[in-house]
């Protein structure tokens, strides 16, 4: 992945999968049956999110790094 966005990964009983979210990119999330698969999937989605934003002329937030809270 060419970006440094924070990724939050958690288990969802409702979905029966791990969910990976990128808080700095609205709506950017993916899932996977394993932690590693969720991470791999969200890395692809981040690139797609950035590409779509560029094509639509929308701003792309700069990675902020670690959140100040958890």
N, C-alpha and C. Protein backbone atom coordinates (compact mmCIF):
# COMPACT_ATOMS: atom_id res chain seq x y z
N UNK A 1 0.86 -1.18 0.00
CA UNK A 1 0.00 0.00 0.00
C UNK A 1 0.90 1.23 0.00
N UNK A 2 0.56 2.20 -0.83
CA UNK A 2 1.39 3.39 -0.96
C UNK A 2 0.97 4.51 -0.01
N UNK A 3 0.01 4.26 0.85
CA UNK A 3 -0.44 5.30 1.77
C UNK A 3 -0.14 4.89 3.21
N UNK A 4 -0.27 5.85 4.09
CA UNK A 4 0.00 5.61 5.50
C UNK A 4 -1.22 5.90 6.37
N UNK A 5 -2.38 5.58 5.86
CA UNK A 5 -3.60 5.83 6.61
C UNK A 5 -3.76 4.81 7.73
N UNK A 6 -4.34 5.28 8.84
CA UNK A 6 -4.62 4.38 9.94
C UNK A 6 -5.72 3.41 9.53
N UNK A 7 -5.57 2.16 9.92
CA UNK A 7 -6.56 1.13 9.64
C UNK A 7 -6.98 0.52 10.97
N UNK A 8 -8.28 0.45 11.18
CA UNK A 8 -8.82 -0.17 12.38
C UNK A 8 -9.48 -1.48 11.95
N UNK A 9 -9.08 -2.59 12.60
CA UNK A 9 -9.61 -3.90 12.25
C UNK A 9 -10.27 -4.50 13.49
N UNK A 10 -11.49 -5.02 13.30
CA UNK A 10 -12.21 -5.63 14.41
C UNK A 10 -13.09 -6.76 13.89
N UNK A 11 -13.46 -7.65 14.78
CA UNK A 11 -14.34 -8.76 14.44
C UNK A 11 -15.80 -8.31 14.54
N UNK A 12 -16.61 -8.69 13.56
CA UNK A 12 -18.04 -8.39 13.57
C UNK A 12 -18.81 -9.71 13.62
N UNK A 13 -19.47 -9.97 14.75
CA UNK A 13 -20.32 -11.16 14.85
C UNK A 13 -21.45 -11.11 13.82
N UNK A 14 -21.99 -9.92 13.63
CA UNK A 14 -23.10 -9.74 12.69
C UNK A 14 -22.72 -10.16 11.27
N UNK A 15 -21.51 -9.79 10.86
CA UNK A 15 -21.06 -10.11 9.52
C UNK A 15 -20.30 -11.44 9.44
N UNK A 16 -19.88 -11.96 10.58
CA UNK A 16 -19.09 -13.18 10.59
C UNK A 16 -17.75 -13.01 9.90
N UNK A 17 -17.18 -11.82 10.06
CA UNK A 17 -15.91 -11.50 9.38
C UNK A 17 -15.20 -10.38 10.13
N UNK A 18 -13.91 -10.24 9.81
CA UNK A 18 -13.16 -9.09 10.30
C UNK A 18 -13.49 -7.90 9.41
N UNK A 19 -13.63 -6.74 10.01
CA UNK A 19 -13.92 -5.50 9.29
C UNK A 19 -12.70 -4.60 9.44
N UNK A 20 -12.26 -4.04 8.33
CA UNK A 20 -11.15 -3.09 8.32
C UNK A 20 -11.67 -1.75 7.84
N UNK A 21 -11.51 -0.72 8.66
CA UNK A 21 -11.98 0.62 8.33
C UNK A 21 -10.81 1.59 8.28
N UNK A 22 -10.93 2.58 7.40
CA UNK A 22 -9.95 3.66 7.29
C UNK A 22 -10.68 4.95 7.67
N UNK A 23 -10.61 5.37 8.95
CA UNK A 23 -11.40 6.51 9.41
C UNK A 23 -11.18 7.80 8.65
N UNK A 24 -10.00 8.01 8.11
CA UNK A 24 -9.71 9.28 7.42
C UNK A 24 -10.31 9.35 6.01
N UNK A 25 -10.75 8.20 5.48
CA UNK A 25 -11.34 8.16 4.15
C UNK A 25 -12.79 7.70 4.30
N UNK A 26 -13.74 8.62 4.29
CA UNK A 26 -15.14 8.29 4.56
C UNK A 26 -15.65 7.14 3.68
N UNK A 27 -16.23 6.16 4.36
CA UNK A 27 -16.82 5.02 3.67
C UNK A 27 -15.82 3.98 3.21
N UNK A 28 -14.55 4.17 3.51
CA UNK A 28 -13.51 3.25 3.05
C UNK A 28 -13.39 2.11 4.05
N UNK A 29 -13.86 0.93 3.64
CA UNK A 29 -13.80 -0.24 4.51
C UNK A 29 -13.86 -1.50 3.68
N UNK A 30 -13.41 -2.59 4.27
CA UNK A 30 -13.44 -3.90 3.62
C UNK A 30 -13.59 -4.95 4.71
N UNK A 31 -13.83 -6.19 4.27
CA UNK A 31 -13.94 -7.27 5.24
C UNK A 31 -13.12 -8.46 4.77
N UNK A 32 -13.02 -9.45 5.63
CA UNK A 32 -12.31 -10.68 5.30
C UNK A 32 -12.57 -11.72 6.36
N UNK A 33 -12.47 -12.98 5.97
CA UNK A 33 -12.68 -14.08 6.92
C UNK A 33 -11.55 -14.18 7.94
N UNK A 34 -10.38 -13.64 7.60
CA UNK A 34 -9.27 -13.60 8.54
C UNK A 34 -8.80 -12.15 8.68
N UNK A 35 -8.05 -11.89 9.74
CA UNK A 35 -7.49 -10.56 9.98
C UNK A 35 -6.62 -10.15 8.79
N UNK A 36 -5.79 -11.08 8.34
CA UNK A 36 -4.86 -10.80 7.24
C UNK A 36 -5.62 -10.51 5.94
N UNK A 37 -6.71 -11.25 5.68
CA UNK A 37 -7.48 -11.03 4.46
C UNK A 37 -8.19 -9.67 4.51
N UNK A 38 -8.70 -9.29 5.68
CA UNK A 38 -9.34 -7.98 5.81
C UNK A 38 -8.32 -6.88 5.54
N UNK A 39 -7.11 -7.04 6.06
CA UNK A 39 -6.06 -6.05 5.83
C UNK A 39 -5.69 -5.98 4.35
N UNK A 40 -5.51 -7.12 3.71
CA UNK A 40 -5.17 -7.14 2.28
C UNK A 40 -6.29 -6.51 1.46
N UNK A 41 -7.53 -6.81 1.80
CA UNK A 41 -8.66 -6.25 1.04
C UNK A 41 -8.76 -4.74 1.20
N UNK A 42 -8.55 -4.24 2.42
CA UNK A 42 -8.68 -2.80 2.63
C UNK A 42 -7.53 -2.04 1.96
N UNK A 43 -6.38 -2.66 1.82
CA UNK A 43 -5.28 -2.00 1.12
C UNK A 43 -5.66 -1.75 -0.34
N UNK A 44 -6.35 -2.71 -0.96
CA UNK A 44 -6.83 -2.54 -2.33
C UNK A 44 -7.89 -1.43 -2.38
N UNK A 45 -8.80 -1.45 -1.41
CA UNK A 45 -9.89 -0.48 -1.38
C UNK A 45 -9.36 0.94 -1.17
N UNK A 46 -8.32 1.11 -0.37
CA UNK A 46 -7.73 2.44 -0.18
C UNK A 46 -7.25 2.99 -1.52
N UNK A 47 -6.55 2.17 -2.27
CA UNK A 47 -6.06 2.62 -3.59
C UNK A 47 -7.23 2.96 -4.51
N UNK A 48 -8.28 2.16 -4.49
CA UNK A 48 -9.46 2.43 -5.32
C UNK A 48 -10.17 3.70 -4.87
N UNK A 49 -10.24 3.92 -3.55
CA UNK A 49 -10.89 5.11 -3.01
C UNK A 49 -10.14 6.35 -3.50
N UNK A 50 -8.81 6.32 -3.39
CA UNK A 50 -7.99 7.45 -3.82
C UNK A 50 -8.13 7.69 -5.31
N UNK A 51 -8.12 6.63 -6.10
CA UNK A 51 -8.27 6.77 -7.55
C UNK A 51 -9.61 7.38 -7.91
N UNK A 52 -10.69 6.92 -7.27
CA UNK A 52 -12.02 7.46 -7.54
C UNK A 52 -12.10 8.93 -7.15
N UNK A 53 -11.51 9.29 -6.01
CA UNK A 53 -11.51 10.69 -5.58
C UNK A 53 -10.79 11.57 -6.60
N UNK A 54 -9.66 11.09 -7.11
CA UNK A 54 -8.92 11.84 -8.12
C UNK A 54 -9.77 12.04 -9.38
N UNK A 55 -10.40 10.96 -9.83
CA UNK A 55 -11.22 11.04 -11.04
C UNK A 55 -12.40 11.99 -10.89
N UNK A 56 -12.93 12.08 -9.67
CA UNK A 56 -14.07 12.96 -9.41
C UNK A 56 -13.66 14.36 -9.00
N UNK A 57 -12.35 14.60 -8.89
CA UNK A 57 -11.86 15.91 -8.49
C UNK A 57 -12.11 16.23 -7.03
N UNK A 58 -12.24 15.22 -6.21
CA UNK A 58 -12.49 15.43 -4.78
C UNK A 58 -11.18 15.47 -4.00
N UNK A 59 -11.18 16.17 -2.88
CA UNK A 59 -9.95 16.24 -2.08
C UNK A 59 -9.60 14.89 -1.47
N UNK A 60 -8.33 14.64 -1.34
CA UNK A 60 -7.84 13.40 -0.72
C UNK A 60 -7.14 13.80 0.57
N UNK A 61 -7.70 13.39 1.71
CA UNK A 61 -7.08 13.76 2.98
C UNK A 61 -5.66 13.22 3.10
N UNK A 62 -4.79 14.00 3.70
CA UNK A 62 -3.44 13.55 3.99
C UNK A 62 -3.49 12.62 5.21
N UNK A 63 -2.70 11.56 5.20
CA UNK A 63 -2.69 10.68 6.39
C UNK A 63 -2.24 11.47 7.62
N UNK A 64 -2.96 11.30 8.72
CA UNK A 64 -2.62 12.00 9.96
C UNK A 64 -1.77 11.13 10.86
N UNK A 65 -1.70 9.85 10.56
CA UNK A 65 -0.96 8.95 11.44
C UNK A 65 -1.83 8.50 12.60
N UNK A 66 -1.22 8.20 13.67
CA UNK A 66 -1.91 7.65 14.83
C UNK A 66 -2.93 8.63 15.40
N UNK A 67 -4.11 8.10 15.74
CA UNK A 67 -5.13 8.93 16.36
C UNK A 67 -4.69 9.32 17.77
N UNK A 68 -5.21 10.42 18.26
CA UNK A 68 -4.87 10.90 19.58
C UNK A 68 -5.67 10.20 20.68
N UNK A 69 -6.61 9.34 20.28
CA UNK A 69 -7.44 8.61 21.25
C UNK A 69 -7.62 7.19 20.75
N UNK A 70 -8.05 6.34 21.63
CA UNK A 70 -8.33 4.94 21.25
C UNK A 70 -9.53 4.46 22.00
